[in-house]
């Protein structure tokens, strides 16, 4: 039986400490802040990131260098027969396509999964990959399974400020100004390759209700009316843990029988585009094979 190592990146929200507990490896995502390079979870903590964000630092995201990816793969292949590499969605970063190109030189021993997920849904893909590897699936089989179910998840996000969406070019200055004046709270959706506008609300409470209703609709329609044991619910936030825990209670009250498994910070690659104070909820259909 082939032994497969599982690799992901820090966009999954999995910390280096948690990765060690899970028996996987996490590539830290690089950031350039005011001209200096940092690595998520290595030389840049969540607290440090938000401090720099609120100080209007010049922040740019990047992807792991080919050298760092190859170094990790070569190290792992001394111990493992194969590698399953699960990067963030190809629609949100070039790191997936880079990894696919690099894997061509490994004669099939490295399988790059393009299942178009990020943050807490990407984390679930990693958990599924671990389980499949423990069940004896090969790297290519794991890749095939995860890509087959790639759209069986959704993330909904609401932001506390329109500042960073405007800065990133997702809102025109005029729309951002009107939205700020009216105190609008956009609800965004990540499903597959894109971060899109889903709806808008006047208050954070209304935005949270919109997200809960959207998740309920996904469970009833896209996921075929699954019961609680067949759906993972998770919550993420940007520097907003207290409100995230309150949101957890609201979600569980609105969806009796369902429980929220994780309440985690959103990956910094998402956070730098939406700012602090955001809340997100994700639903992922449990893997059945």
Protein backbone atom coordinates (compact mmCIF):
# COMPACT_ATOMS: atom_id res chain seq x y z
CA UNK A 1 0.00 0.00 0.00
CA UNK A 2 1.34 3.41 -1.00
CA UNK A 3 1.90 5.98 1.74
CA UNK A 4 0.70 9.47 0.82
CA UNK A 5 1.75 12.70 2.54
CA UNK A 6 -0.80 15.51 2.71
CA UNK A 7 0.31 19.09 1.98
CA UNK A 8 -1.73 22.29 1.97
CA UNK A 9 -1.07 26.01 2.44
CA UNK A 10 -1.88 28.45 5.21
CA UNK A 11 -4.92 29.70 3.27
CA UNK A 12 -6.62 26.65 4.78
CA UNK A 13 -6.46 28.35 8.17
CA UNK A 14 -4.48 25.40 9.53
CA UNK A 15 -1.68 26.64 11.75
CA UNK A 16 1.76 25.07 11.89
CA UNK A 17 0.95 23.70 15.36
CA UNK A 18 -2.33 22.16 14.22
CA UNK A 19 -0.63 20.76 11.11
CA UNK A 20 1.83 18.92 13.32
CA UNK A 21 -1.05 17.44 15.33
CA UNK A 22 -2.81 16.38 12.11
CA UNK A 23 0.32 14.83 10.63
CA UNK A 24 0.38 17.09 7.58
CA UNK A 25 2.55 19.92 6.23
CA UNK A 26 1.44 23.50 5.62
CA UNK A 27 3.20 25.90 3.27
CA UNK A 28 3.10 29.42 4.75
CA UNK A 29 1.75 32.07 2.38
CA UNK A 30 4.07 35.03 1.85
CA UNK A 31 3.07 38.67 2.23
CA UNK A 32 4.92 41.85 1.36
CA UNK A 33 4.19 44.59 3.87
CA UNK A 34 5.77 47.98 3.25
CA UNK A 35 8.42 46.28 1.12
CA UNK A 36 9.33 43.56 3.64
CA UNK A 37 8.46 39.88 3.17
CA UNK A 38 6.60 37.97 5.88
CA UNK A 39 5.24 34.42 6.09
CA UNK A 40 1.83 33.65 7.57
CA UNK A 41 2.13 31.79 10.86
CA UNK A 42 5.95 31.93 10.76
CA UNK A 43 7.07 35.55 10.87
CA UNK A 44 3.61 37.13 10.82
CA UNK A 45 0.94 36.49 13.43
CA UNK A 46 -2.74 37.35 13.07
CA UNK A 47 -2.36 40.15 15.63
CA UNK A 48 0.64 41.65 13.84
CA UNK A 49 -1.15 41.50 10.50
CA UNK A 50 -4.22 43.38 11.76
CA UNK A 51 -2.08 45.96 13.49
CA UNK A 52 -0.33 46.69 10.19
CA UNK A 53 -3.66 46.63 8.32
CA UNK A 54 -5.19 49.26 10.60
CA UNK A 55 -2.07 51.39 10.14
CA UNK A 56 -2.78 51.45 6.39
CA UNK A 57 0.41 49.55 5.56
CA UNK A 58 0.99 48.64 1.92
CA UNK A 59 0.11 44.92 1.89
CA UNK A 60 0.44 42.59 -1.09
CA UNK A 61 -0.21 38.86 -1.17
CA UNK A 62 1.95 36.40 -3.04
CA UNK A 63 2.32 32.65 -3.46
CA UNK A 64 4.93 30.21 -2.16
CA UNK A 65 8.08 30.26 -4.26
CA UNK A 66 8.66 27.27 -6.56
CA UNK A 67 11.86 26.61 -4.61
CA UNK A 68 10.00 26.32 -1.29
CA UNK A 69 7.42 23.97 -2.82
CA UNK A 70 10.05 21.74 -4.41
CA UNK A 71 12.15 21.67 -1.24
CA UNK A 72 9.15 20.45 0.79
CA UNK A 73 8.11 17.85 -1.79
CA UNK A 74 11.62 16.42 -2.11
CA UNK A 75 11.91 16.22 1.66
CA UNK A 76 8.60 14.36 2.00
CA UNK A 77 9.32 11.93 -0.83
CA UNK A 78 12.28 10.60 1.14
CA UNK A 79 9.74 9.25 3.64
CA UNK A 80 6.51 8.90 1.66
CA UNK A 81 5.70 7.23 -1.66
CA UNK A 82 3.36 9.98 -2.87
CA UNK A 83 2.10 13.47 -2.07
CA UNK A 84 -1.41 14.96 -2.19
CA UNK A 85 -1.00 18.74 -2.48
CA UNK A 86 -4.12 20.83 -1.73
CA UNK A 87 -3.58 24.54 -2.49
CA UNK A 88 -6.14 27.32 -2.35
CA UNK A 89 -8.64 27.71 -5.21
CA UNK A 90 -7.06 28.21 -8.63
CA UNK A 91 -9.51 31.08 -9.21
CA UNK A 92 -8.14 33.07 -6.27
CA UNK A 93 -4.40 32.49 -6.63
CA UNK A 94 -1.81 31.33 -9.12
CA UNK A 95 -0.28 28.94 -6.58
CA UNK A 96 -2.42 26.03 -7.78
CA UNK A 97 -1.34 26.33 -11.42
CA UNK A 98 2.29 26.73 -10.34
CA UNK A 99 2.07 23.54 -8.28
CA UNK A 100 0.45 21.65 -11.18
CA UNK A 101 3.29 22.70 -13.48
CA UNK A 102 5.94 21.70 -10.92
CA UNK A 103 4.29 18.31 -10.37
CA UNK A 104 4.84 17.37 -14.03
CA UNK A 105 8.44 16.50 -13.19
CA UNK A 106 7.52 13.99 -10.48
CA UNK A 107 6.15 11.14 -12.64
CA UNK A 108 2.77 11.10 -10.90
CA UNK A 109 4.17 10.91 -7.39
CA UNK A 110 2.77 14.39 -6.64
CA UNK A 111 -0.95 14.92 -7.21
CA UNK A 112 -2.17 18.52 -7.04
CA UNK A 113 -5.85 18.86 -6.10
CA UNK A 114 -7.69 21.73 -7.78
CA UNK A 115 -10.93 21.53 -5.83
CA UNK A 116 -11.49 25.28 -5.75
CA UNK A 117 -11.75 25.79 -2.02
CA UNK A 118 -10.24 28.18 0.51
CA UNK A 119 -10.20 28.70 4.27
CA UNK A 120 -12.52 26.45 6.27
CA UNK A 121 -13.78 24.53 3.22
CA UNK A 122 -10.16 23.94 2.17
CA UNK A 123 -9.49 22.69 5.69
CA UNK A 124 -12.30 20.18 5.26
CA UNK A 125 -10.71 18.95 2.03
CA UNK A 126 -7.50 18.33 3.98
CA UNK A 127 -9.41 16.39 6.65
CA UNK A 128 -11.07 14.32 3.91
CA UNK A 129 -7.68 13.65 2.28
CA UNK A 130 -6.24 12.44 5.60
CA UNK A 131 -9.14 10.05 6.03
CA UNK A 132 -8.87 8.75 2.47
CA UNK A 133 -5.13 8.21 2.84
CA UNK A 134 -5.71 6.29 6.09
CA UNK A 135 -8.22 4.13 4.22
CA UNK A 136 -5.50 3.21 1.73
CA UNK A 137 -6.46 5.41 -1.22
CA UNK A 138 -3.65 6.39 -3.56
CA UNK A 139 -2.75 10.03 -4.21
CA UNK A 140 -4.40 9.93 -7.64
CA UNK A 141 -7.58 8.40 -6.18
CA UNK A 142 -7.70 11.09 -3.47
CA UNK A 143 -7.27 13.82 -6.09
CA UNK A 144 -10.09 12.37 -8.21
CA UNK A 145 -12.49 12.12 -5.25
CA UNK A 146 -11.81 15.62 -3.92
CA UNK A 147 -12.16 17.25 -7.34
CA UNK A 148 -15.42 15.38 -7.96
CA UNK A 149 -17.03 16.96 -4.87
CA UNK A 150 -15.38 20.38 -5.19
CA UNK A 151 -18.64 22.36 -5.46
CA UNK A 152 -20.33 20.69 -2.51
CA UNK A 153 -19.49 23.59 -0.23
CA UNK A 154 -20.29 27.29 0.21
CA UNK A 155 -18.87 30.21 2.14
CA UNK A 156 -20.82 33.40 2.89
CA UNK A 157 -19.03 36.46 4.29
CA UNK A 158 -20.20 39.82 5.55
CA UNK A 159 -17.81 42.71 6.10
CA UNK A 160 -17.71 45.44 8.72
CA UNK A 161 -16.28 48.04 6.35
CA UNK A 162 -16.28 48.65 2.60
CA UNK A 163 -12.80 50.21 2.76
CA UNK A 164 -10.83 47.15 1.71
CA UNK A 165 -13.22 46.02 -1.02
CA UNK A 166 -12.90 49.51 -2.47
CA UNK A 167 -9.12 49.43 -2.12
CA UNK A 168 -8.96 46.07 -3.90
CA UNK A 169 -11.04 47.34 -6.79
CA UNK A 170 -14.11 45.22 -6.07
CA UNK A 171 -16.18 48.37 -5.46
CA UNK A 172 -15.94 51.67 -7.31
CA UNK A 173 -15.25 54.69 -5.08
CA UNK A 174 -18.76 56.01 -5.78
CA UNK A 175 -20.47 52.74 -4.82
CA UNK A 176 -18.28 52.44 -1.73
CA UNK A 177 -19.13 56.01 -0.69
CA UNK A 178 -22.86 55.43 -1.10
CA UNK A 179 -22.63 52.09 0.69
CA UNK A 180 -20.74 53.65 3.58
CA UNK A 181 -23.23 56.50 3.83
CA UNK A 182 -26.14 54.06 3.90
CA UNK A 183 -24.21 51.72 6.21
CA UNK A 184 -24.72 48.81 3.85
CA UNK A 185 -23.26 45.42 4.77
CA UNK A 186 -22.58 43.39 1.63
CA UNK A 187 -22.82 39.62 1.85
CA UNK A 188 -20.23 37.91 -0.33
CA UNK A 189 -20.09 34.33 -1.51
CA UNK A 190 -17.17 32.03 -2.28
CA UNK A 191 -18.29 29.02 -4.25
CA UNK A 192 -15.84 27.49 -6.66
CA UNK A 193 -13.37 29.89 -8.20
CA UNK A 194 -14.77 33.33 -7.39
CA UNK A 195 -15.50 35.78 -4.63
CA UNK A 196 -18.82 37.35 -5.67
CA UNK A 197 -21.44 39.68 -4.24
CA UNK A 198 -24.40 37.64 -2.99
CA UNK A 199 -26.66 40.19 -1.32
CA UNK A 200 -26.62 43.34 0.78
CA UNK A 201 -28.04 44.25 4.16
CA UNK A 202 -28.53 47.40 6.22
CA UNK A 203 -27.25 46.01 9.51
CA UNK A 204 -24.88 43.30 10.68
CA UNK A 205 -27.81 41.45 12.23
CA UNK A 206 -29.65 41.46 8.90
CA UNK A 207 -26.48 40.30 7.16
CA UNK A 208 -26.13 37.38 9.57
CA UNK A 209 -29.74 36.37 8.94
CA UNK A 210 -29.09 36.52 5.18
CA UNK A 211 -26.11 34.19 5.57
CA UNK A 212 -28.02 31.73 7.74
CA UNK A 213 -30.90 31.70 5.25
CA UNK A 214 -28.44 31.11 2.40
CA UNK A 215 -26.85 28.17 4.22
CA UNK A 216 -30.28 26.71 5.00
CA UNK A 217 -31.21 27.02 1.32
CA UNK A 218 -27.99 25.31 0.25
CA UNK A 219 -28.64 22.42 2.62
CA UNK A 220 -32.23 22.05 1.40
CA UNK A 221 -31.59 22.48 -2.33
CA UNK A 222 -27.96 22.15 -3.46
CA UNK A 223 -27.18 19.44 -0.90
CA UNK A 224 -30.52 17.68 -1.29
CA UNK A 225 -32.03 18.25 2.15
CA UNK A 226 -29.30 16.52 4.13
CA UNK A 227 -29.65 16.07 7.85
CA UNK A 228 -27.13 17.24 10.43
CA UNK A 229 -24.83 14.23 10.25
CA UNK A 230 -24.18 14.87 6.56
CA UNK A 231 -23.14 18.54 6.73
CA UNK A 232 -20.16 20.33 8.29
CA UNK A 233 -20.91 23.86 9.49
CA UNK A 234 -18.00 26.15 10.33
CA UNK A 235 -17.61 29.82 11.17
CA UNK A 236 -14.67 32.09 10.43
CA UNK A 237 -13.90 35.70 11.23
CA UNK A 238 -11.34 38.44 10.76
CA UNK A 239 -10.13 39.62 14.16
CA UNK A 240 -13.66 39.27 15.50
CA UNK A 241 -13.72 36.18 17.73
CA UNK A 242 -16.24 37.42 20.30
CA UNK A 243 -18.86 38.18 17.64
CA UNK A 244 -18.02 34.90 15.88
CA UNK A 245 -18.90 32.95 19.03
CA UNK A 246 -22.20 34.84 19.30
CA UNK A 247 -22.86 34.05 15.63
CA UNK A 248 -22.19 30.36 16.36
CA UNK A 249 -24.96 30.37 18.95
CA UNK A 250 -27.32 32.14 16.54
CA UNK A 251 -26.59 29.63 13.76
CA UNK A 252 -27.19 26.63 16.00
CA UNK A 253 -30.45 28.16 17.28
CA UNK A 254 -31.66 28.85 13.72
CA UNK A 255 -30.67 25.39 12.44
CA UNK A 256 -31.79 22.95 15.17
CA UNK A 257 -29.81 19.73 15.21
CA UNK A 258 -26.86 21.19 13.34
CA UNK A 259 -23.69 22.16 15.19
CA UNK A 260 -20.79 24.39 14.25
CA UNK A 261 -17.57 22.38 14.37
CA UNK A 262 -14.90 25.08 14.05
CA UNK A 263 -14.75 28.81 14.79
CA UNK A 264 -11.47 29.94 13.26
CA UNK A 265 -9.79 33.08 11.91
CA UNK A 266 -10.08 33.53 8.16
CA UNK A 267 -6.83 33.11 6.28
CA UNK A 268 -4.91 36.35 5.90
CA UNK A 269 -5.05 36.15 2.10
CA UNK A 270 -8.81 36.68 2.37
CA UNK A 271 -8.58 39.06 5.32
CA UNK A 272 -6.42 41.61 3.53
CA UNK A 273 -9.20 42.03 0.91
CA UNK A 274 -12.10 42.44 3.35
CA UNK A 275 -10.58 43.94 6.51
CA UNK A 276 -11.22 43.14 10.15
CA UNK A 277 -14.59 42.72 11.82
CA UNK A 278 -15.90 40.29 9.20
CA UNK A 279 -17.91 37.13 9.82
CA UNK A 280 -18.23 34.08 7.60
CA UNK A 281 -20.15 30.83 7.64
CA UNK A 282 -19.42 27.73 5.58
CA UNK A 283 -21.32 24.56 4.83
CA UNK A 284 -19.60 21.52 3.38
CA UNK A 285 -21.30 18.29 2.44
CA UNK A 286 -19.73 15.33 4.19
CA UNK A 287 -17.73 13.05 1.93
CA UNK A 288 -19.40 9.79 1.00
CA UNK A 289 -17.56 7.25 -1.13
